């Protein structure tokens, strides 16, 4: 749910700009820039992120069962 809200905040047009709108845009831009530096597009990156995601998902399921 949080990911959907973040995507909507970044990609939907803004009709009213609040006081904090500039700060939110800067934070989103910095976050995307950091993520792009972590992922070069090499096939090994895809495998590493897939394994990390599967391990995180498995850990979450294990914690829920316990």
Protein backbone atom coordinates (compact mmCIF):
# COMPACT_ATOMS: atom_id res chain seq x y z
CA UNK A 1 0.00 0.00 0.00
CA UNK A 2 2.84 2.37 0.83
CA UNK A 3 4.51 1.68 -2.51
CA UNK A 4 1.33 2.61 -4.36
CA UNK A 5 1.09 5.88 -2.43
CA UNK A 6 4.75 6.69 -3.14
CA UNK A 7 4.32 5.96 -6.85
CA UNK A 8 1.19 8.07 -7.01
CA UNK A 9 2.93 10.96 -5.25
CA UNK A 10 5.85 10.85 -7.69
CA UNK A 11 4.05 10.25 -10.98
CA UNK A 12 0.63 11.85 -10.78
CA UNK A 13 0.33 15.52 -11.69
CA UNK A 14 0.17 17.86 -8.74
CA UNK A 15 -2.63 20.43 -8.77
CA UNK A 16 -1.77 22.15 -5.51
CA UNK A 17 1.74 22.50 -4.25
CA UNK A 18 2.15 22.58 -0.51
CA UNK A 19 5.01 23.94 1.53
CA UNK A 20 6.74 20.57 1.65
CA UNK A 21 6.32 19.64 -1.99
CA UNK A 22 9.86 20.64 -2.92
CA UNK A 23 11.28 18.60 -0.07
CA UNK A 24 9.27 15.56 -1.09
CA UNK A 25 10.43 15.85 -4.70
CA UNK A 26 14.07 16.21 -3.63
CA UNK A 27 13.81 13.17 -1.33
CA UNK A 28 12.22 11.10 -4.10
CA UNK A 29 14.86 12.16 -6.61
CA UNK A 30 17.69 11.31 -4.20
CA UNK A 31 16.17 7.91 -3.45
CA UNK A 32 15.82 7.02 -7.12
CA UNK A 33 19.39 8.20 -7.80
CA UNK A 34 20.72 5.96 -5.01
CA UNK A 35 18.80 2.97 -6.33
CA UNK A 36 20.17 3.56 -9.83
CA UNK A 37 23.74 3.57 -8.52
CA UNK A 38 23.13 0.16 -6.90
CA UNK A 39 21.88 -1.38 -10.14
CA UNK A 40 24.08 -1.20 -13.22
CA UNK A 41 21.89 -3.36 -15.47
CA UNK A 42 24.31 -6.29 -15.48
CA UNK A 43 22.64 -9.70 -15.36
CA UNK A 44 24.39 -10.41 -12.05
CA UNK A 45 22.52 -7.48 -10.51
CA UNK A 46 19.20 -9.04 -11.47
CA UNK A 47 20.22 -12.33 -9.89
CA UNK A 48 21.48 -10.63 -6.73
CA UNK A 49 18.28 -8.62 -6.27
CA UNK A 50 16.16 -11.71 -6.96
CA UNK A 51 18.04 -13.72 -4.33
CA UNK A 52 17.87 -10.84 -1.82
CA UNK A 53 14.13 -10.47 -2.38
CA UNK A 54 13.50 -14.21 -2.08
CA UNK A 55 15.56 -14.37 1.13
CA UNK A 56 13.68 -11.42 2.61
CA UNK A 57 10.35 -12.96 1.67
CA UNK A 58 11.39 -16.31 3.13
CA UNK A 59 12.54 -14.65 6.37
CA UNK A 60 9.23 -12.80 6.66
CA UNK A 61 7.26 -16.02 6.17
CA UNK A 62 9.42 -17.80 8.73
CA UNK A 63 8.83 -15.08 11.29
CA UNK A 64 5.08 -15.20 10.66
CA UNK A 65 4.93 -18.95 11.24
CA UNK A 66 6.91 -18.87 14.47
